[in-house]
Protein backbone atom coordinates (compact mmCIF):
# COMPACT_ATOMS: atom_id res chain seq x y z
CA MET A 1 -38.21 117.70 -16.82
CA SER A 2 -34.95 118.26 -18.79
CA VAL A 3 -32.36 116.11 -16.89
CA VAL A 4 -29.50 114.66 -18.99
CA PHE A 5 -27.42 111.69 -17.89
CA SER A 6 -24.34 110.25 -19.58
CA VAL A 7 -21.56 107.80 -18.99
CA ILE A 8 -18.37 109.74 -19.75
CA ASN A 9 -14.65 109.22 -19.63
CA SER A 10 -12.89 109.47 -16.21
CA LEU A 11 -10.54 112.27 -17.51
CA GLU A 12 -13.27 114.77 -18.11
CA LYS A 13 -13.91 117.49 -15.48
CA VAL A 14 -17.49 118.35 -15.03
CA PHE A 15 -17.88 121.90 -13.99
CA PRO A 16 -21.12 123.51 -12.72
CA ASP A 17 -21.87 124.92 -16.10
CA THR A 18 -20.58 121.95 -18.28
CA SER A 19 -22.91 120.97 -21.17
CA ILE A 20 -23.29 117.19 -20.70
CA GLU A 21 -24.27 116.65 -24.28
CA ASP A 22 -20.86 118.11 -25.39
CA LEU A 23 -18.86 115.50 -23.54
CA PRO A 24 -17.66 112.36 -25.41
CA PRO A 25 -18.99 109.17 -23.92
CA ALA A 26 -16.93 106.53 -22.20
CA ASP A 27 -15.67 103.43 -23.88
CA CYS A 28 -18.39 100.91 -23.12
CA ASN A 29 -16.40 97.87 -24.26
CA VAL A 30 -13.41 97.36 -21.83
CA ARG A 31 -10.79 94.74 -21.34
CA MET A 32 -9.39 94.36 -17.93
CA PHE A 33 -6.62 92.28 -16.32
CA MET A 34 -6.83 90.48 -13.03
CA ASN A 35 -5.96 92.91 -10.07
CA ASP A 36 -6.81 95.82 -12.29
CA ARG A 37 -8.90 99.00 -12.08
CA PHE A 38 -10.96 100.91 -14.67
CA SER A 39 -12.70 104.22 -13.95
CA PHE A 40 -15.62 106.20 -15.55
CA GLN A 41 -18.03 108.88 -14.61
CA ILE A 42 -21.69 109.36 -14.78
CA ALA A 43 -22.40 112.88 -15.37
CA TYR A 44 -25.98 114.70 -15.21
CA ARG A 45 -27.41 118.16 -15.61
CA CYS A 46 -30.72 119.84 -15.07
CA ASP A 47 -31.47 122.57 -17.62
CA GLU A 48 -34.61 124.09 -16.04
CA TYR A 49 -35.72 125.83 -12.96
CA LEU A 50 -36.97 123.51 -10.00
CA LYS A 51 -39.41 124.80 -7.50
CA GLU A 52 -38.66 121.69 -5.47
CA SER A 53 -35.71 119.40 -5.49
CA LYS A 54 -36.16 116.04 -7.37
CA GLN A 55 -34.67 112.84 -5.81
CA TYR A 56 -32.93 110.19 -7.99
CA CYS A 57 -31.22 106.94 -7.37
CA LEU A 58 -28.26 105.65 -9.13
CA HIS A 59 -27.84 101.84 -9.30
CA ILE A 60 -24.88 99.84 -10.66
CA GLU A 61 -25.39 96.09 -10.94
CA SER A 62 -22.25 94.03 -11.70
CA THR A 63 -20.28 91.01 -10.57
CA LEU A 64 -17.25 93.31 -10.58
CA ASP A 65 -16.53 95.51 -7.41
CA CYS A 66 -17.65 98.92 -8.06
CA SER A 67 -17.06 101.93 -5.94
CA ILE A 68 -19.28 105.00 -6.38
CA GLN A 69 -18.12 108.55 -5.32
CA GLN A 70 -19.92 111.72 -5.62
CA VAL A 71 -17.84 114.37 -7.16
CA VAL A 72 -18.08 117.63 -5.07
CA TYR A 73 -17.11 121.13 -6.01
CA VAL A 74 -14.53 123.04 -4.01
CA PRO A 75 -13.27 126.68 -4.46
CA SER A 76 -10.07 127.32 -6.30
CA ASN A 77 -8.93 130.81 -5.58
CA LEU A 78 -5.39 130.55 -7.01
CA PRO A 79 -5.66 128.29 -10.08
CA ARG A 80 -2.19 129.16 -11.33
CA ARG A 81 0.76 131.37 -10.74
CA GLY A 82 3.81 132.57 -12.48
CA ALA A 83 4.52 132.10 -16.20
CA CYS A 84 2.22 129.21 -17.42
CA ASP A 85 1.25 127.64 -20.64
CA ASP A 86 -2.19 128.05 -22.22
CA GLY A 87 -3.26 124.48 -21.43
CA TYR A 88 -4.97 125.37 -18.12
CA LEU A 89 -8.80 124.79 -17.99
CA PHE A 90 -9.36 128.24 -16.14
CA SER A 91 -7.25 131.04 -14.79
CA ARG A 92 -9.57 132.90 -12.63
CA PRO A 93 -11.05 131.73 -9.22
CA ALA A 94 -13.70 129.10 -9.74
CA MET A 95 -15.65 126.33 -8.31
CA VAL A 96 -13.97 123.06 -9.26
CA PRO A 97 -14.76 119.31 -9.28
CA ASP A 98 -12.33 117.67 -6.98
CA LEU A 99 -13.43 116.30 -3.57
CA LEU A 100 -14.99 112.69 -3.72
CA LEU A 101 -17.58 111.58 -1.12
CA PRO A 102 -18.65 107.93 -0.75
CA ALA A 103 -22.12 107.50 -2.26
CA ASP A 104 -24.96 105.22 -1.82
CA GLY A 105 -26.47 106.18 -5.07
CA HIS A 106 -29.20 108.50 -3.81
CA PHE A 107 -28.90 112.05 -4.98
CA LYS A 108 -30.89 115.09 -5.98
CA VAL A 109 -30.49 117.40 -8.90
CA ALA A 110 -30.26 121.24 -8.73
CA SER A 111 -31.37 123.85 -11.21
CA TYR A 112 -28.95 124.66 -14.02
CA LEU A 113 -26.20 122.64 -12.54
CA SER A 114 -23.93 119.89 -13.93
CA SER A 115 -22.41 117.10 -11.66
CA SER A 116 -21.07 113.72 -11.78
CA PHE A 117 -20.23 110.40 -9.98
CA PHE A 118 -16.78 108.93 -10.16
CA CYS A 119 -16.96 105.19 -10.58
CA THR A 120 -14.23 102.70 -10.29
CA LEU A 121 -14.33 99.05 -11.37
CA SER A 122 -12.00 96.51 -9.59
CA THR A 123 -11.02 92.97 -10.55
CA LEU A 124 -9.54 92.00 -7.21
CA SER A 125 -12.23 89.57 -6.31
CA CYS A 126 -13.97 88.52 -9.60
CA CYS A 127 -13.26 85.56 -11.95
CA CYS A 128 -12.08 86.04 -15.49
CA GLY A 129 -14.51 86.08 -18.45
CA LYS A 130 -17.33 88.37 -19.63
CA HIS A 131 -19.10 90.78 -17.18
CA GLU A 132 -21.66 93.47 -17.60
CA VAL A 133 -21.83 96.62 -15.57
CA LYS A 134 -25.62 97.61 -15.84
CA ILE A 135 -26.20 101.46 -14.94
CA SER A 136 -29.52 102.75 -14.19
CA VAL A 137 -31.08 105.86 -12.82
CA ARG A 138 -34.49 106.01 -11.15
CA ASP A 139 -36.68 109.05 -10.61
CA ASN A 140 -37.73 108.40 -6.99
CA ASP A 141 -40.52 110.84 -6.99
CA ASP A 142 -42.24 109.46 -10.13
CA ASP A 143 -41.03 105.92 -9.58
CA ILE A 144 -39.72 105.52 -13.15
CA GLU A 145 -36.37 104.58 -14.71
CA VAL A 146 -35.08 107.64 -16.57
CA TYR A 147 -31.63 106.38 -17.78
CA GLU A 148 -29.84 103.11 -18.43
CA SER A 149 -26.58 102.20 -19.98
CA THR A 150 -24.32 99.04 -20.00
CA ILE A 151 -20.54 98.69 -20.03
CA HIS A 152 -19.24 95.30 -21.25
CA VAL A 153 -16.11 94.10 -19.61
CA MET A 154 -13.88 91.24 -20.60
CA VAL A 155 -11.64 90.22 -17.71
CA LEU A 156 -8.59 88.47 -19.06
CA ASP A 157 -6.93 85.65 -17.08
CA ILE A 158 -3.75 87.69 -16.71
CA PRO A 159 -2.71 88.99 -13.37
CA LEU A 160 -1.45 92.60 -13.40
CA TYR A 161 1.80 92.99 -11.52
CA PRO A 162 1.87 95.40 -8.47
CA LEU A 163 3.29 98.83 -8.73
CA ALA A 164 7.00 98.49 -8.89
CA ILE A 165 8.23 102.04 -8.02
CA ASP A 166 8.66 103.63 -4.69
CA HIS A 167 5.97 106.29 -4.02
CA THR A 168 5.86 108.82 -1.19
CA GLU A 169 3.37 111.64 -0.39
CA TRP A 170 4.59 113.53 2.64
CA PHE A 171 2.39 112.69 5.64
CA HIS A 172 2.00 115.77 7.84
CA GLN A 173 1.28 114.88 11.49
CA ASP A 174 0.66 118.43 12.62
CA SER A 175 -2.14 118.71 9.92
CA LEU A 176 -3.93 115.85 11.67
CA LEU A 177 -3.46 117.31 15.04
CA SER A 178 -4.71 120.61 14.11
CA TYR A 179 -7.69 119.62 12.10
CA TYR A 180 -8.91 117.13 14.56
CA LYS A 181 -7.86 118.98 17.66
CA ALA A 182 -5.90 115.89 18.87
CA GLU A 183 -3.08 115.57 21.40
CA VAL A 184 0.07 114.42 19.94
CA TRP A 185 0.71 110.78 20.32
CA SER A 186 -2.68 110.30 22.08
CA GLU A 187 -4.66 107.16 21.44
CA PHE A 188 -6.94 109.27 19.19
CA HIS A 189 -3.87 110.46 17.33
CA TRP A 190 -2.55 106.79 16.89
CA ALA A 191 -6.15 105.85 15.72
CA LEU A 192 -5.95 108.59 13.05
CA ILE A 193 -2.53 107.54 11.96
CA GLU A 194 -3.68 103.92 11.43
CA LYS A 195 -6.75 105.07 9.23
CA TRP A 196 -4.51 107.43 7.22
CA MET A 197 -1.68 105.08 6.73
CA THR A 198 -4.05 102.34 5.61
CA PHE A 199 -5.81 104.68 3.11
CA ALA A 200 -2.40 105.99 1.90
CA HIS A 201 -1.40 102.36 0.81
CA GLU A 202 -4.72 100.90 -0.25
CA ARG A 203 -6.23 103.84 -1.95
CA CYS A 204 -3.16 106.02 -3.04
CA ALA A 205 -0.53 103.30 -3.80
CA ILE A 206 1.86 104.88 -1.26
CA ASN A 207 4.45 102.46 -0.06
CA VAL A 208 7.16 104.86 1.54
CA ILE A 209 6.10 107.00 4.66
CA LEU A 210 7.64 110.03 5.99
CA THR A 211 8.41 108.98 9.60
CA PRO A 212 8.81 111.88 12.04
CA VAL A 213 11.64 110.54 14.23
CA PHE A 214 12.06 114.21 14.81
CA THR A 215 9.82 116.99 13.58
CA PRO A 216 10.48 117.23 9.91
CA PRO A 217 12.11 120.62 8.90
CA LEU A 218 9.72 121.26 5.91
CA ASP A 219 7.84 124.39 4.80
CA THR A 220 8.75 126.26 8.05
CA ALA A 221 9.45 129.99 8.21
CA VAL A 222 13.00 130.71 9.17
CA GLY A 223 13.27 131.15 12.89
CA LYS A 224 9.88 129.70 13.57
CA GLU A 225 8.62 126.16 14.45
CA ARG A 226 5.91 123.75 13.44
CA GLN A 227 4.27 121.70 16.18
CA THR A 228 6.61 119.08 17.74
CA VAL A 229 5.70 115.57 16.39
CA GLN A 230 8.80 113.70 17.49
CA LEU A 231 8.44 109.98 17.77
CA VAL A 232 11.67 109.28 19.49
CA ASP A 233 12.19 110.32 23.11
CA ILE A 234 15.80 111.52 23.38
CA PHE A 235 17.72 111.85 26.61
CA TYR A 236 20.99 113.59 27.42
CA ASP A 237 22.97 113.28 30.56
CA GLY A 238 25.52 116.00 29.83
CA GLU A 239 27.84 113.69 27.97
CA ASN A 240 25.90 110.95 26.15
CA TYR A 241 22.64 110.48 24.35
CA TYR A 242 20.06 107.78 24.94
CA PHE A 243 16.99 106.90 22.98
CA ASP A 244 13.58 105.50 23.65
CA PHE A 245 12.19 104.09 20.50
CA SER A 246 8.89 102.82 21.90
CA LYS A 247 6.62 105.10 20.00
CA LEU A 248 8.75 104.56 16.67
CA LYS A 249 8.35 100.76 17.10
CA ARG A 250 4.53 101.29 17.31
CA TRP A 251 4.62 103.40 14.21
CA CYS A 252 6.64 100.73 12.39
CA LEU A 253 4.22 98.06 13.44
CA LEU A 254 1.38 100.12 11.93
CA CYS A 255 3.36 100.57 8.80
CA VAL A 256 3.74 96.67 8.46
CA LYS A 257 0.07 96.21 9.19
CA SER A 258 -0.93 98.88 6.63
CA GLY A 259 1.29 97.54 3.84
CA ILE A 260 3.92 100.34 3.95
CA LYS A 261 7.32 98.81 2.86
CA THR A 262 9.80 101.65 3.45
CA ILE A 263 10.54 104.22 6.08
CA GLU A 264 11.44 107.61 5.16
CA ILE A 265 13.39 109.55 7.66
CA PRO A 266 13.07 113.52 7.76
CA HIS A 267 15.85 115.66 6.64
CA PHE A 268 18.79 116.14 8.89
CA PHE A 269 19.28 119.80 7.93
CA THR A 270 16.88 122.61 7.08
CA GLN A 271 15.16 123.15 3.81
CA TRP A 272 16.46 125.24 0.98
CA GLY A 273 20.24 125.13 1.79
CA ALA A 274 20.99 123.03 4.84
CA ALA A 275 22.03 125.96 6.86
CA CYS A 276 20.80 124.74 10.28
CA ALA A 277 19.85 121.61 12.20
CA PRO A 278 16.08 120.69 12.47
CA LYS A 279 14.15 121.06 15.68
CA ILE A 280 15.19 118.25 17.93
CA VAL A 281 13.63 118.01 21.33
CA VAL A 282 15.84 116.59 24.17
CA ASN A 283 15.29 115.66 27.85
CA GLU A 284 18.20 116.72 29.80
CA LYS A 285 17.98 115.82 33.42
CA GLY A 286 14.17 116.33 33.42
CA CYS A 287 14.24 119.60 31.49
CA VAL A 288 12.64 119.21 27.97
CA TYR A 289 13.76 121.74 25.32
CA SER A 290 14.86 122.15 21.73
CA ARG A 291 18.41 121.31 21.93
CA PHE A 292 18.86 121.74 18.14
CA GLY A 293 17.03 124.00 15.74
CA TRP A 294 17.37 127.30 13.84
CA HIS A 295 19.82 128.26 16.56
CA THR A 296 22.10 125.46 15.55
CA ASN A 297 24.54 125.89 12.82
CA ALA A 298 24.70 122.80 10.48
CA MET A 299 28.35 122.35 11.20
CA ASP A 300 27.95 122.59 15.04
CA PRO A 301 30.28 119.84 16.50
CA GLU A 302 27.64 119.08 19.02
CA TYR A 303 24.99 118.33 16.42
CA LYS A 304 27.54 116.08 14.59
CA TYR A 305 28.12 114.23 17.87
CA PHE A 306 24.46 113.80 18.25
CA LEU A 307 24.03 112.45 14.75
CA GLU A 308 26.96 110.00 15.37
CA SER A 309 24.92 108.61 18.33
CA PHE A 310 21.47 108.83 16.89
CA ILE A 311 21.68 107.37 13.24
CA PRO A 312 23.36 104.00 14.14
CA ALA A 313 20.91 103.47 17.06
CA LEU A 314 17.99 104.43 14.73
CA LYS A 315 19.20 102.09 12.00
CA LYS A 316 19.52 99.14 14.30
CA MET A 317 16.12 99.66 15.77
CA LEU A 318 14.48 99.83 12.41
CA ASN A 319 16.53 96.72 11.04
CA ASP A 320 15.37 94.77 14.19
CA THR A 321 11.74 95.83 13.46
CA GLY A 322 11.94 94.41 10.00
CA PHE A 323 13.09 97.27 7.70
CA ASP A 324 16.32 96.44 6.34
CA ASP A 325 18.79 98.96 4.74
CA ASP A 326 17.06 98.70 1.33
CA HIS A 327 13.80 99.95 2.93
CA ILE A 328 15.18 102.86 4.95
CA ILE A 329 15.54 106.18 3.09
CA PHE A 330 17.37 109.23 4.46
CA HIS A 331 17.49 112.85 3.45
CA ILE A 332 20.10 115.65 3.78
CA SER A 333 18.13 118.84 2.81
CA ASP A 334 15.14 119.44 0.59
CA GLU A 335 15.60 121.40 -2.66
CA PRO A 336 19.18 122.73 -2.39
CA ARG A 337 20.01 125.39 -4.90
CA GLY A 338 23.04 125.35 -7.14
CA HIS A 339 25.00 128.11 -5.23
CA GLN A 340 24.48 125.91 -1.94
CA ILE A 341 26.28 122.76 -3.24
CA GLU A 342 29.33 123.14 -1.14
CA GLN A 343 27.33 123.52 2.04
CA TYR A 344 25.06 120.47 1.12
CA SER A 345 28.25 118.50 0.39
CA ARG A 346 29.66 119.37 3.83
CA CYS A 347 26.40 118.22 5.47
CA LYS A 348 26.19 114.97 3.48
CA LYS A 349 29.84 114.02 4.54
CA ILE A 350 28.64 114.01 8.10
CA VAL A 351 25.64 111.69 7.46
CA GLU A 352 26.94 109.44 4.68
CA PRO A 353 29.45 107.31 6.77
CA LEU A 354 26.65 106.69 9.39
CA VAL A 355 23.76 105.33 7.05
CA GLY A 356 25.51 102.31 5.64
CA LYS A 357 23.90 100.93 2.50
CA CYS A 358 20.72 102.97 2.91
CA ARG A 359 19.63 105.36 0.29
CA ILE A 360 20.17 109.11 0.55
CA ILE A 361 17.81 110.89 -1.72
CA ASP A 362 16.98 114.62 -2.21
CA ALA A 363 14.66 116.69 -4.55
CA LEU A 364 16.71 119.13 -6.65
CA SER A 365 16.59 120.87 -9.98
CA SER A 366 20.35 121.40 -10.64
CA PRO A 367 22.06 118.56 -12.44
CA GLU A 368 25.39 119.75 -10.96
CA PHE A 369 24.76 117.75 -7.72
CA TYR A 370 24.50 114.64 -9.75
CA GLU A 371 27.30 115.35 -12.09
CA ARG A 372 29.71 116.06 -9.32
CA ASN A 373 28.48 112.79 -7.55
CA ILE A 374 27.31 114.73 -4.45
CA VAL A 375 23.74 113.48 -4.89
CA THR A 376 23.77 109.91 -6.51
CA MET A 377 20.09 109.42 -6.03
CA PRO A 378 18.45 112.57 -7.02
CA VAL A 379 14.69 113.29 -7.03
CA ILE A 380 14.45 115.28 -10.22
CA SER A 381 11.85 117.93 -10.76
CA ASN A 382 9.96 117.04 -13.99
CA ASP A 383 10.57 120.54 -15.60
CA HIS A 384 14.33 119.88 -15.29
CA VAL A 385 14.44 116.47 -16.61
CA LYS A 386 15.62 117.91 -19.95
CA LEU A 387 18.89 118.85 -18.17
CA PHE A 388 19.61 115.23 -17.37
CA ASP A 389 20.14 112.83 -20.22
CA SER A 390 17.89 109.95 -20.34
CA ASN A 391 20.45 107.57 -19.06
CA SER A 392 20.87 109.73 -16.00
CA CYS A 393 17.15 109.48 -15.24
CA ARG A 394 16.93 105.74 -15.20
CA GLY A 395 16.67 104.27 -11.56
CA LYS A 396 16.20 107.86 -10.21
CA TRP A 397 13.23 109.48 -8.77
CA VAL A 398 11.01 112.36 -10.02
CA TYR A 399 8.67 114.94 -8.45
CA TYR A 400 6.61 117.89 -9.28
CA CYS A 401 5.11 120.66 -6.95
CA VAL A 402 4.28 124.30 -7.17
CA SER A 403 7.10 125.40 -9.47
CA GLN A 404 6.41 122.86 -12.09
CA ASN A 405 3.64 124.84 -13.66
CA ASN A 406 4.52 125.26 -17.39
CA LEU A 407 4.11 122.50 -19.96
CA VAL A 408 4.87 119.75 -17.75
CA PRO A 409 2.43 117.30 -15.94
CA ASN A 410 1.10 118.35 -12.61
CA ARG A 411 -2.11 117.67 -10.60
CA PHE A 412 -3.29 121.32 -9.98
CA MET A 413 -7.09 121.41 -10.09
CA ALA A 414 -6.91 123.93 -13.09
CA LEU A 415 -5.06 121.47 -15.31
CA PRO A 416 -6.85 118.81 -17.35
CA SER A 417 -6.89 115.38 -15.64
CA ALA A 418 -4.93 113.87 -18.50
CA ARG A 419 -1.92 116.05 -17.27
CA CYS A 420 -2.00 114.05 -14.08
CA ARG A 421 -2.55 110.70 -15.51
CA ILE A 422 0.22 110.92 -18.15
CA MET A 423 2.82 110.96 -15.47
CA GLY A 424 2.52 107.19 -15.12
CA THR A 425 3.50 106.65 -18.73
CA LEU A 426 6.33 109.24 -18.65
CA ILE A 427 7.64 107.56 -15.30
CA TRP A 428 7.91 104.28 -17.38
CA LEU A 429 9.31 106.11 -20.46
CA TYR A 430 12.31 107.69 -18.57
CA GLY A 431 12.77 104.56 -16.29
CA PHE A 432 12.26 106.51 -12.99
CA SER A 433 12.12 104.22 -9.96
CA GLY A 434 10.27 106.49 -7.51
CA PHE A 435 7.85 109.44 -7.31
CA LEU A 436 7.66 111.95 -4.63
CA HIS A 437 5.25 114.70 -3.72
CA TRP A 438 5.23 116.86 -0.64
CA GLY A 439 1.42 117.04 -0.16
CA TYR A 440 -0.52 114.18 1.12
CA ASN A 441 -2.26 116.25 3.75
CA PHE A 442 -0.86 119.84 4.08
CA TYR A 443 -3.55 121.85 5.67
CA PHE A 444 -1.67 125.09 6.40
CA CYS A 445 -0.73 128.34 4.84
CA GLN A 446 2.80 128.72 3.34
CA PHE A 447 5.54 128.20 5.93
CA SER A 448 3.04 126.60 8.28
CA GLU A 449 2.24 129.70 10.26
CA TYR A 450 -1.41 128.97 10.76
CA PRO A 451 -3.88 126.19 9.71
CA VAL A 452 -6.60 126.51 6.82
CA ASN A 453 -9.69 124.60 6.22
CA PRO A 454 -8.98 122.50 3.11
CA PHE A 455 -12.63 122.43 2.13
CA VAL A 456 -12.57 126.24 1.87
CA CYS A 457 -8.95 126.94 1.21
CA THR A 458 -7.30 124.71 -1.40
CA ASP A 459 -4.34 126.80 -2.08
CA ALA A 460 -2.50 127.28 1.28
CA ASP A 461 -4.14 130.66 1.69
CA HIS A 462 -3.26 131.97 -1.84
CA SER A 463 0.28 130.52 -1.83
CA PHE A 464 0.27 127.42 -4.03
CA PRO A 465 -2.06 126.63 -7.01
CA SER A 466 -5.03 124.79 -5.79
CA GLY A 467 -4.34 120.97 -5.61
CA ASP A 468 -0.68 121.39 -4.78
CA PRO A 469 -0.80 121.28 -0.88
CA PHE A 470 -2.96 118.12 -0.45
CA LEU A 471 -4.11 114.92 -2.24
CA VAL A 472 -6.81 113.87 0.22
CA TYR A 473 -9.36 115.63 2.44
CA PRO A 474 -10.12 115.01 6.22
CA SER A 475 -13.69 113.58 6.96
CA ASN A 476 -15.65 114.17 10.20
CA ASP A 477 -15.11 110.53 11.14
CA GLY A 478 -11.20 110.75 11.00
CA ASN A 479 -10.90 108.96 7.63
CA PRO A 480 -9.42 110.50 4.66
CA LEU A 481 -11.67 111.36 1.63
CA SER A 482 -10.26 110.81 -1.88
CA SER A 483 -9.92 113.41 -4.57
CA LEU A 484 -10.52 113.31 -8.37
CA ARG A 485 -6.66 114.03 -8.64
CA ASN A 486 -5.99 111.00 -6.52
CA GLU A 487 -8.14 108.61 -8.55
CA VAL A 488 -6.69 109.95 -11.81
CA GLN A 489 -3.19 109.47 -10.43
CA MET A 490 -4.08 105.89 -9.44
CA ASP A 491 -5.16 105.22 -13.03
CA GLY A 492 -1.77 106.65 -14.21
CA PHE A 493 -0.03 104.11 -11.87
CA THR A 494 -2.13 101.51 -13.59
CA ASP A 495 -0.87 102.55 -17.00
CA LEU A 496 2.61 102.29 -15.40
CA ARG A 497 2.02 98.77 -14.33
CA ILE A 498 0.71 97.75 -17.78
CA LEU A 499 3.64 99.14 -19.39
CA ARG A 500 6.02 97.26 -17.03
CA GLN A 501 4.22 94.04 -17.76
CA LEU A 502 4.52 94.68 -21.45
CA GLU A 503 8.23 95.41 -21.12
CA ILE A 504 8.79 92.14 -19.38
CA LYS A 505 7.11 90.21 -22.14
CA ILE A 506 8.20 91.93 -25.42
CA GLY A 507 11.17 94.10 -24.31
CA ARG A 508 11.68 97.86 -23.78
CA ASP A 509 12.32 98.75 -27.37
CA ALA A 510 9.06 97.11 -28.48
CA VAL A 511 7.11 99.06 -25.93
CA LEU A 512 8.77 102.24 -26.94
CA LYS A 513 7.77 101.70 -30.56
CA LEU A 514 4.14 100.94 -29.39
CA ILE A 515 3.79 104.16 -27.58
CA ASP A 516 5.35 106.13 -30.35
CA ASN A 517 2.82 104.68 -32.71
CA ILE A 518 -0.13 105.42 -30.35
CA ALA A 519 1.05 108.90 -29.48
CA GLY A 520 2.24 109.76 -33.04
CA GLU A 521 5.60 110.81 -31.88
CA ARG A 522 8.18 110.41 -29.13
CA MET A 523 6.82 112.12 -26.05
CA ASP A 524 8.63 113.80 -23.24
CA PHE A 525 7.79 115.87 -20.21
CA GLU A 526 6.92 118.94 -22.31
CA LYS A 527 5.25 117.13 -25.20
CA TYR A 528 2.65 114.36 -24.63
CA PRO A 529 -0.83 113.36 -25.61
CA LEU A 530 -3.93 114.65 -23.70
CA ASP A 531 -6.74 112.91 -25.65
CA PRO A 532 -8.31 110.11 -23.59
CA SER A 533 -8.21 107.98 -26.56
CA PHE A 534 -4.47 107.60 -26.00
CA PHE A 535 -5.02 105.86 -22.64
CA SER A 536 -7.82 103.57 -24.17
CA ALA A 537 -5.55 102.52 -27.14
CA LEU A 538 -2.63 101.84 -24.77
CA ARG A 539 -4.79 99.44 -22.73
CA ASN A 540 -6.32 97.71 -25.84
CA CYS A 541 -2.86 97.26 -27.47
CA ALA A 542 -1.56 95.98 -24.17
CA ALA A 543 -4.43 93.45 -23.98
CA ASP A 544 -3.77 92.31 -27.50
CA ILE A 545 -0.09 91.69 -26.87
CA LEU A 546 -0.44 90.08 -23.40
CA GLU A 547 -3.15 87.69 -24.56
CA GLN A 548 -0.92 86.30 -27.14
CA ASP A 549 0.89 83.00 -26.24
CA GLY A 550 4.71 82.98 -25.83
């Protein structure tokens, strides 16, 4: 029977009709650091009709830890939108490799169909020295070995430093509640939160978490509401506000347990212009209602009075729970436009005196907010970086989402994986200190008017390019499931860690020259290498330098 197997690079996307023989093989001689990861794929295809399915078993033998995940196809009905470059892999609806399912090695082949396993080696619990990763595939029906390959790994006695940037992917509680049909803040909900927090930190390198002290005013249609997910119980006696932080304290303790370092407070004003207050539910003499919301002008004196009571009490509670001012982040309004700069400025003047030394950050595209010192810590969209000089970017944050669809890196399913991974190198190149994305788990249509099934709808019901709304999928047992995009992003963060380590040893200028030599030119957010050989060369050159004494 004509079944082809091959060990291929982690950046290849194996579509149902991909010819396996045409894919370049993976590097089978690898150097890794301590506390490092290295990914590859095992692809296969059957090129004949099968009357009955054939059963196989993939076995990987190694002293290195190795995770094996089956790559599963999901539909992409909206691969791209707007004016885009010609670097997309497809532009019409297609079945796309993205969902990753934990695998025990047993699988079956289908007629005229290609597929793959995504494998990740880890050096967390191994010793330095030479290791072999022996890969074999056995035909269970005929009881014969049909494929074998070996990856040779040299683990260097050089610990790789942890990720040194802030990283947040917005965590949507109403998506959990809707998908799992859970009651808000029930024990079932808390169990889900713990699982998804732990996965976020351990498997996605997330160290900043969006914390719904009130329901975040994000992706909500004007005049409508998302499900209330308010952690803080607020009481009002007609004159003063009082706060019960019990649930928030429980949330913070879960953050500490999960490894989350920084608490991110939702925006104090509505998205796209800061026109109104967010929905905030208050208990007034036993009557629970939305005291603030779309009906509340941002400049309402009563809302200002509320913030003057709430923010200092919130800060004290977080400080007392172990989160100092350096590990609390506040927002004013998400993605304000240039013509809204005066309104944004008025809103910030209300909040800024109340937050002390805590950071205020916001996603924006217009450099005018920064140039006028209104937003001192901008989260810059990567397609507008060119409007900021390189010195303005250092120490700032960067993001991409639906609108960053032309030339720049992104993690849409229709883009080559390299356009996701290269982000790690570019973050180092520009000196960004944080990365933000809005979609850890957004399982709704645009404006959150109704939920969608993320296994069937990957584009928020034809609203955003597939891959933009979420990074992980929900499993039946309440745990997140990874995606090809998440694993590639993690490999990009590993590149970033390697570059930071090189910078400490040989200096920034020397690392810049090294990258230029490997890439063949100075890269930027619209011009960067996509060949997998760039990332292999980067790792090998880093190993050469870091192995040197002195």
